[in-house]
Protein backbone atom coordinates (compact mmCIF):
# COMPACT_ATOMS: atom_id res chain seq x y z
CA MET A 1 0.10 0.18 -0.05
CA ALA A 2 0.80 3.57 -0.41
CA ARG A 3 0.05 7.24 -0.14
CA ILE A 4 -1.17 9.44 -3.14
CA VAL A 5 -1.75 12.96 -2.08
CA PHE A 6 -4.54 15.05 -5.09
CA THR A 7 -6.46 18.28 -3.88
CA LEU A 8 -10.43 17.47 -4.57
CA ALA A 9 -10.50 18.67 -7.56
CA GLU A 10 -7.36 16.34 -8.89
CA TRP A 11 -8.94 13.20 -7.40
CA ARG A 12 -12.83 14.17 -9.16
CA SER A 13 -10.91 14.77 -12.25
CA VAL A 14 -8.74 10.98 -11.68
CA ALA A 15 -12.51 9.95 -10.94
CA GLN A 16 -14.28 11.06 -14.04
CA GLU A 17 -11.42 10.12 -16.16
CA LEU A 18 -11.48 6.31 -14.85
CA HIS A 19 -14.85 6.11 -15.82
CA SER A 20 -13.84 6.89 -19.17
CA PRO A 21 -14.49 3.93 -21.85
CA ARG A 22 -10.37 3.83 -22.01
CA TYR A 23 -10.06 2.08 -18.42
CA SER A 24 -12.77 -0.24 -18.74
CA ALA A 25 -11.59 -2.93 -15.74
CA ALA A 26 -10.53 -0.12 -13.20
CA PRO A 27 -8.81 -2.54 -9.91
CA ALA A 28 -11.74 -3.62 -7.70
CA GLY A 29 -13.01 -1.26 -5.40
CA LEU A 30 -11.27 1.57 -6.49
CA HIS A 31 -14.10 3.27 -8.00
CA GLU A 32 -15.94 3.35 -4.75
CA ARG A 33 -13.29 4.69 -3.24
CA LEU A 34 -12.77 7.57 -4.96
CA HIS A 35 -16.39 7.90 -5.19
CA ALA A 36 -16.46 8.11 -1.35
CA LEU A 37 -14.12 10.33 -1.16
CA VAL A 38 -15.60 12.68 -3.49
CA ARG A 39 -19.08 12.62 -1.47
CA GLN A 40 -17.95 12.51 1.93
CA ALA A 41 -15.55 16.05 1.03
CA PRO A 42 -17.14 19.29 1.44
CA HIS A 43 -18.15 20.65 -2.47
CA ASP A 44 -16.03 24.05 -1.67
CA TRP A 45 -12.96 22.19 -1.04
CA HIS A 46 -11.75 22.38 -4.41
CA GLU A 47 -7.86 22.50 -3.42
CA GLN A 48 -8.08 20.78 -0.17
CA SER A 49 -5.10 17.89 -0.51
CA PHE A 50 -6.69 14.44 0.39
CA ALA A 51 -4.78 11.25 0.23
CA LEU A 52 -5.90 7.79 -0.13
CA GLU A 53 -3.84 4.76 1.00
CA LEU A 54 -3.88 2.69 -2.33
CA ASP A 55 -2.90 -0.89 -3.51
CA ASP A 56 -0.18 -1.61 -6.47
CA SER A 57 -2.52 -1.66 -9.48
CA SER A 58 -5.20 1.00 -7.81
CA ILE A 59 -2.12 3.38 -7.59
CA GLU A 60 -1.08 2.79 -11.12
CA ALA A 61 -4.19 3.50 -12.88
CA VAL A 62 -4.77 6.61 -10.65
CA TRP A 63 -1.41 7.76 -11.80
CA ASP A 64 -2.40 6.36 -15.63
CA ALA A 65 -5.21 8.40 -15.35
CA HIS A 66 -3.62 11.72 -13.77
CA SER A 67 -1.03 11.57 -16.48
CA ALA A 68 -3.22 11.67 -19.11
CA LEU A 69 -5.09 14.46 -17.63
CA THR A 70 -1.88 16.38 -17.24
CA ARG A 71 -0.03 14.96 -19.47
CA CYS A 72 3.44 14.70 -17.28
CA ASN A 73 5.43 11.97 -16.21
CA PRO A 74 2.89 10.42 -13.66
CA TYR A 75 6.17 9.94 -10.67
CA SER A 76 7.27 13.57 -10.95
CA ARG A 77 5.59 14.62 -8.11
CA GLN A 78 5.63 12.07 -5.46
CA HIS A 79 9.50 11.83 -6.74
CA GLU A 80 9.88 15.83 -6.16
CA ALA A 81 8.53 15.08 -2.70
CA GLY A 82 10.66 12.49 -1.61
CA ILE A 83 13.63 14.44 -2.71
CA ALA A 84 12.05 17.50 -0.57
CA GLU A 85 11.42 14.87 2.13
CA ALA A 86 15.22 13.39 2.25
CA SER A 87 16.51 17.70 1.84
CA ARG A 88 14.65 18.56 4.74
CA ILE A 89 15.99 15.35 6.91
CA ILE A 90 19.43 16.09 6.06
CA HIS A 91 19.66 20.02 6.52
CA GLY A 92 17.98 18.83 9.80
CA HIS A 93 20.37 16.85 11.29
CA GLN A 94 23.43 19.32 9.85
CA ASN A 95 21.76 22.26 11.93
CA GLU A 96 21.91 19.83 15.43
CA ARG A 97 25.63 19.32 14.24
CA LYS A 98 25.83 23.22 14.28
CA ASN A 99 24.20 23.96 17.34
CA PRO A 100 23.79 20.66 19.58
CA SER A 101 21.39 21.09 22.59
CA THR A 102 22.42 21.73 26.00
CA HIS A 103 21.36 17.74 26.92
CA GLU A 104 23.85 16.52 24.71
CA ARG A 105 27.79 16.46 25.57
CA GLU A 106 30.88 15.27 23.57
CA ILE A 107 31.92 11.89 24.31
CA PRO A 108 35.73 11.44 24.58
């Protein structure tokens, strides 16, 4: 299982795309999960981000539909997010070394 984060507007578009004739065999339960998300979210929260945990086949279908809509590499957003998180961790560790807390002490 992996987590995908899109805005509500993007999830709505993906759900509509997956109902098109191009996607005749979406993974079991995916349509229902997307329908539940769109139905339960406040309708005016178009730019609010929502995350879904999906299995591998559902993730592939969602990325395919999303890339068809946006005409971009489906993995670029996730890749960029991973790089940003790694960078944050590295910078955090570097700052800890520059400014050790008073509770830390060097061991000779």
